[in-house]
Amino acid sequence: MTGFTEDEVRTFLNYYAESGMYDHNTDALLELMRGWYGNYKFSNNAERPLFNLDMVLYFLTELTDNKDLPEDMIDQNIRIDYIKLRHLMLTDRKLNGNFSELRKIIEKGETRCRIQAGFPLEHLKYSRNFNIAAFLFRTADCQKGSGRESDSFHFPI
């Protein structure tokens, strides 16, 4: 996985501002982008968070083409496939245990579990795999736990 550092995003914004491509405060734009596209760690060993590469490029394109903020902050081309999302919550057209896991995440903004490299799709119905699937679908970032502590998954909300 790749992404931009905050310094790189700031450099892009400053370049386009100085070129007259938009008329917004760079710090305010960076703060907005941080909330939507920043703070991702795609590895347990990541030293610093990154900004989502695709979304930064989408934002900059919309900003420079229209000289204004994007109407939709999420690029339609990278939204999670609805069927994948539905599969996280339903098994045989019935709610599975993942719905209660999602409720905990919404209330706390994070959850903890151990990362595993992957699992068969039919094991998605087990709530222990919900967090891992969310991480693999790029909807959560991860911070490695120390010792016996579980890894922490953070969900930008």
C-alpha atoms as a PDB file:
ATOM      1  CA  MET A   1       0.000   0.000   0.000  1.00  0.00           C
ATOM      2  CA  THR A   2       1.157   3.496  -0.725  1.00  0.00           C
ATOM      3  CA  GLY A   3       0.099   6.954   0.262  1.00  0.00           C
ATOM      4  CA  PHE A   4       1.257  10.530   0.700  1.00  0.00           C
ATOM      5  CA  THR A   5       2.748  11.976   3.852  1.00  0.00           C
ATOM      6  CA  GLU A   6       1.209  15.121   5.298  1.00  0.00           C
ATOM      7  CA  ASP A   7       4.240  17.112   4.142  1.00  0.00           C
ATOM      8  CA  GLU A   8       3.743  15.886   0.578  1.00  0.00           C
ATOM      9  CA  VAL A   9       0.048  16.813   0.621  1.00  0.00           C
ATOM     10  CA  ARG A  10       0.924  20.266   1.983  1.00  0.00           C
ATOM     11  CA  THR A  11       3.483  20.673  -0.842  1.00  0.00           C
ATOM     12  CA  PHE A  12       0.820  19.827  -3.440  1.00  0.00           C
ATOM     13  CA  LEU A  13      -1.667  22.266  -1.921  1.00  0.00           C
ATOM     14  CA  ASN A  14       0.910  25.059  -1.728  1.00  0.00           C
ATOM     15  CA  TYR A  15       1.968  24.477  -5.336  1.00  0.00           C
ATOM     16  CA  TYR A  16      -1.590  24.727  -6.657  1.00  0.00           C
ATOM     17  CA  ALA A  17      -2.388  27.732  -4.438  1.00  0.00           C
ATOM     18  CA  GLU A  18       0.709  29.592  -5.665  1.00  0.00           C
ATOM     19  CA  SER A  19      -0.219  28.692  -9.262  1.00  0.00           C
ATOM     20  CA  GLY A  20      -3.628  30.340  -8.765  1.00  0.00           C
ATOM     21  CA  MET A  21      -5.508  27.064  -9.225  1.00  0.00           C
ATOM     22  CA  TYR A  22      -7.740  27.699  -6.197  1.00  0.00           C
ATOM     23  CA  ASP A  23      -8.448  30.361  -3.591  1.00  0.00           C
ATOM     24  CA  HIS A  24      -8.718  28.499  -0.266  1.00  0.00           C
ATOM     25  CA  ASN A  25      -6.655  28.469   2.918  1.00  0.00           C
ATOM     26  CA  THR A  26      -4.101  25.658   2.654  1.00  0.00           C
ATOM     27  CA  ASP A  27      -4.190  24.854   6.383  1.00  0.00           C
ATOM     28  CA  ALA A  28      -7.991  24.601   6.330  1.00  0.00           C
ATOM     29  CA  LEU A  29      -7.855  22.311   3.276  1.00  0.00           C
ATOM     30  CA  LEU A  30      -5.212  20.146   4.912  1.00  0.00           C
ATOM     31  CA  GLU A  31      -7.338  19.837   8.056  1.00  0.00           C
ATOM     32  CA  LEU A  32     -10.357  18.837   5.966  1.00  0.00           C
ATOM     33  CA  MET A  33      -8.327  16.293   3.988  1.00  0.00           C
ATOM     34  CA  ARG A  34      -6.792  14.861   7.171  1.00  0.00           C
ATOM     35  CA  GLY A  35     -10.262  14.056   8.475  1.00  0.00           C
ATOM     36  CA  TRP A  36     -11.379  12.365   5.278  1.00  0.00           C
ATOM     37  CA  TYR A  37      -8.205  10.872   3.818  1.00  0.00           C
ATOM     38  CA  GLY A  38      -5.480  10.916   6.472  1.00  0.00           C
ATOM     39  CA  ASN A  39      -4.191   8.857   9.363  1.00  0.00           C
ATOM     40  CA  TYR A  40      -3.984   5.526   7.558  1.00  0.00           C
ATOM     41  CA  LYS A  41      -1.382   2.965   8.551  1.00  0.00           C
ATOM     42  CA  PHE A  42      -1.316   0.072   6.129  1.00  0.00           C
ATOM     43  CA  SER A  43       1.292  -1.914   8.021  1.00  0.00           C
ATOM     44  CA  ASN A  44       1.934  -2.914  11.601  1.00  0.00           C
ATOM     45  CA  ASN A  45       5.419  -1.446  11.233  1.00  0.00           C
ATOM     46  CA  ALA A  46       4.421   1.880   9.680  1.00  0.00           C
ATOM     47  CA  GLU A  47       6.333   4.753  11.255  1.00  0.00           C
ATOM     48  CA  ARG A  48       3.825   7.468  10.381  1.00  0.00           C
ATOM     49  CA  PRO A  49       0.303   7.726   9.025  1.00  0.00           C
ATOM     50  CA  LEU A  50      -0.344   8.362   5.357  1.00  0.00           C
ATOM     51  CA  PHE A  51      -3.015  10.050   3.308  1.00  0.00           C
ATOM     52  CA  ASN A  52      -4.975   7.824   0.940  1.00  0.00           C
ATOM     53  CA  LEU A  53      -3.266   8.223  -2.441  1.00  0.00           C
ATOM     54  CA  ASP A  54      -6.373   7.837  -4.611  1.00  0.00           C
ATOM     55  CA  MET A  55      -8.454  10.226  -2.556  1.00  0.00           C
ATOM     56  CA  VAL A  56      -5.793  12.956  -2.440  1.00  0.00           C
ATOM     57  CA  LEU A  57      -5.490  12.859  -6.231  1.00  0.00           C
ATOM     58  CA  TYR A  58      -9.289  12.917  -6.563  1.00  0.00           C
ATOM     59  CA  PHE A  59      -9.539  15.912  -4.192  1.00  0.00           C
ATOM     60  CA  LEU A  60      -6.785  17.848  -5.988  1.00  0.00           C
ATOM     61  CA  THR A  61      -8.344  17.169  -9.392  1.00  0.00           C
ATOM     62  CA  GLU A  62     -11.764  18.350  -8.216  1.00  0.00           C
ATOM     63  CA  LEU A  63     -10.245  21.378  -6.470  1.00  0.00           C
ATOM     64  CA  THR A  64      -8.153  22.521  -9.432  1.00  0.00           C
ATOM     65  CA  ASP A  65     -10.768  21.765 -12.108  1.00  0.00           C
ATOM     66  CA  ASN A  66     -13.610  23.522 -10.283  1.00  0.00           C
ATOM     67  CA  LYS A  67     -11.651  25.938  -8.058  1.00  0.00           C
ATOM     68  CA  ASP A  68     -13.837  24.684  -5.226  1.00  0.00           C
ATOM     69  CA  LEU A  69     -14.206  21.758  -2.860  1.00  0.00           C
ATOM     70  CA  PRO A  70     -15.563  18.518  -4.305  1.00  0.00           C
ATOM     71  CA  GLU A  71     -19.329  18.135  -3.984  1.00  0.00           C
ATOM     72  CA  ASP A  72     -18.745  14.554  -2.853  1.00  0.00           C
ATOM     73  CA  MET A  73     -15.677  14.002  -0.668  1.00  0.00           C
ATOM     74  CA  ILE A  74     -15.442  10.327  -1.679  1.00  0.00           C
ATOM     75  CA  ASP A  75     -14.535   9.364  -5.234  1.00  0.00           C
ATOM     76  CA  GLN A  76     -17.313   7.138  -6.582  1.00  0.00           C
ATOM     77  CA  ASN A  77     -14.710   4.932  -8.271  1.00  0.00           C
ATOM     78  CA  ILE A  78     -13.221   3.644  -5.020  1.00  0.00           C
ATOM     79  CA  ARG A  79     -16.264   3.154  -2.840  1.00  0.00           C
ATOM     80  CA  ILE A  80     -16.547  -0.312  -1.381  1.00  0.00           C
ATOM     81  CA  ASP A  81     -18.537  -2.661  -3.528  1.00  0.00           C
ATOM     82  CA  TYR A  82     -22.018  -2.874  -1.993  1.00  0.00           C
ATOM     83  CA  ILE A  83     -22.016  -6.665  -2.206  1.00  0.00           C
ATOM     84  CA  LYS A  84     -18.774  -6.875  -0.196  1.00  0.00           C
ATOM     85  CA  LEU A  85     -20.216  -4.551   2.414  1.00  0.00           C
ATOM     86  CA  ARG A  86     -23.480  -6.482   2.553  1.00  0.00           C
ATOM     87  CA  HIS A  87     -21.527  -9.696   2.983  1.00  0.00           C
ATOM     88  CA  LEU A  88     -19.923  -8.222   6.113  1.00  0.00           C
ATOM     89  CA  MET A  89     -23.350  -7.905   7.760  1.00  0.00           C
ATOM     90  CA  LEU A  90     -25.496 -10.697   6.325  1.00  0.00           C
ATOM     91  CA  THR A  91     -25.174 -14.449   6.092  1.00  0.00           C
ATOM     92  CA  ASP A  92     -27.917 -16.280   4.209  1.00  0.00           C
ATOM     93  CA  ARG A  93     -29.935 -13.019   4.170  1.00  0.00           C
ATOM     94  CA  LYS A  94     -29.908 -12.811   7.972  1.00  0.00           C
ATOM     95  CA  LEU A  95     -27.954 -10.474  10.224  1.00  0.00           C
ATOM     96  CA  ASN A  96     -24.864 -12.183  11.540  1.00  0.00           C
ATOM     97  CA  GLY A  97     -22.793 -11.361  14.647  1.00  0.00           C
ATOM     98  CA  ASN A  98     -20.961  -8.625  12.771  1.00  0.00           C
ATOM     99  CA  PHE A  99     -23.784  -6.161  13.312  1.00  0.00           C
ATOM    100  CA  SER A 100     -23.093  -6.051  17.063  1.00  0.00           C
ATOM    101  CA  GLU A 101     -19.369  -5.727  16.289  1.00  0.00           C
ATOM    102  CA  LEU A 102     -20.142  -2.753  14.044  1.00  0.00           C
ATOM    103  CA  ARG A 103     -22.218  -1.160  16.828  1.00  0.00           C
ATOM    104  CA  LYS A 104     -19.217  -1.411  19.212  1.00  0.00           C
ATOM    105  CA  ILE A 105     -16.961   0.186  16.601  1.00  0.00           C
ATOM    106  CA  ILE A 106     -19.366   3.068  15.999  1.00  0.00           C
ATOM    107  CA  GLU A 107     -19.619   3.736  19.737  1.00  0.00           C
ATOM    108  CA  LYS A 108     -15.860   3.556  20.445  1.00  0.00           C
ATOM    109  CA  GLY A 109     -14.320   4.441  17.067  1.00  0.00           C
ATOM    110  CA  GLU A 110     -11.966   1.478  17.378  1.00  0.00           C
ATOM    111  CA  THR A 111     -11.750  -2.199  18.239  1.00  0.00           C
ATOM    112  CA  ARG A 112      -8.991  -4.682  19.064  1.00  0.00           C
ATOM    113  CA  CYS A 113      -8.115  -8.094  17.675  1.00  0.00           C
ATOM    114  CA  ARG A 114      -5.196 -10.001  16.169  1.00  0.00           C
ATOM    115  CA  ILE A 115      -4.445  -9.599  12.467  1.00  0.00           C
ATOM    116  CA  GLN A 116      -4.330 -12.682  10.311  1.00  0.00           C
ATOM    117  CA  ALA A 117      -3.192 -12.702   6.701  1.00  0.00           C
ATOM    118  CA  GLY A 118      -6.524 -13.836   5.310  1.00  0.00           C
ATOM    119  CA  PHE A 119      -9.364 -16.295   5.538  1.00  0.00           C
ATOM    120  CA  PRO A 120     -11.911 -17.916   3.210  1.00  0.00           C
ATOM    121  CA  LEU A 121     -14.936 -15.771   2.320  1.00  0.00           C
ATOM    122  CA  GLU A 122     -17.308 -18.150   4.091  1.00  0.00           C
ATOM    123  CA  HIS A 123     -15.478 -17.357   7.369  1.00  0.00           C
ATOM    124  CA  LEU A 124     -16.496 -13.708   7.071  1.00  0.00           C
ATOM    125  CA  LYS A 125     -19.613 -14.599   9.050  1.00  0.00           C
ATOM    126  CA  TYR A 126     -17.480 -15.006  12.177  1.00  0.00           C
ATOM    127  CA  SER A 127     -17.263 -11.732  14.067  1.00  0.00           C
ATOM    128  CA  ARG A 128     -13.540 -12.256  14.822  1.00  0.00           C
ATOM    129  CA  ASN A 129     -12.902 -11.779  11.082  1.00  0.00           C
ATOM    130  CA  PHE A 130     -15.070  -8.669  10.659  1.00  0.00           C
ATOM    131  CA  ASN A 131     -12.320  -6.280  11.810  1.00  0.00           C
ATOM    132  CA  ILE A 132      -9.733  -7.950   9.608  1.00  0.00           C
ATOM    133  CA  ALA A 133     -12.030  -7.726   6.598  1.00  0.00           C
ATOM    134  CA  ALA A 134     -12.626  -4.031   7.274  1.00  0.00           C
ATOM    135  CA  PHE A 135      -8.848  -3.536   7.358  1.00  0.00           C
ATOM    136  CA  LEU A 136      -8.378  -5.498   4.124  1.00  0.00           C
ATOM    137  CA  PHE A 137     -11.184  -3.487   2.446  1.00  0.00           C
ATOM    138  CA  ARG A 138      -9.227  -0.338   3.436  1.00  0.00           C
ATOM    139  CA  THR A 139     -11.908   1.040   5.726  1.00  0.00           C
ATOM    140  CA  ALA A 140      -9.768   0.797   8.868  1.00  0.00           C
ATOM    141  CA  ASP A 141      -6.157   1.356   9.780  1.00  0.00           C
ATOM    142  CA  CYS A 142      -4.202  -0.700  12.267  1.00  0.00           C
ATOM    143  CA  GLN A 143      -1.805  -0.032  15.108  1.00  0.00           C
ATOM    144  CA  LYS A 144       0.237  -3.004  16.259  1.00  0.00           C
ATOM    145  CA  GLY A 145      -0.284  -4.102  19.843  1.00  0.00           C
ATOM    146  CA  SER A 146       2.730  -4.693  22.054  1.00  0.00           C
ATOM    147  CA  GLY A 147       3.415  -8.052  23.681  1.00  0.00           C
ATOM    148  CA  ARG A 148       0.155  -9.883  24.340  1.00  0.00           C
ATOM    149  CA  GLU A 149      -1.962  -6.811  23.574  1.00  0.00           C
ATOM    150  CA  SER A 150      -4.168  -7.144  20.510  1.00  0.00           C
ATOM    151  CA  ASP A 151      -3.770  -4.939  17.467  1.00  0.00           C
ATOM    152  CA  SER A 152      -6.006  -1.858  17.436  1.00  0.00           C
ATOM    153  CA  PHE A 153      -8.188  -1.082  14.431  1.00  0.00           C
ATOM    154  CA  HIS A 154      -9.249   2.536  14.002  1.00  0.00           C
ATOM    155  CA  PHE A 155     -12.193   3.431  11.820  1.00  0.00           C
ATOM    156  CA  PRO A 156     -12.234   7.006  10.487  1.00  0.00           C
ATOM    157  CA  ILE A 157     -15.813   8.142  11.071  1.00  0.00           C
END
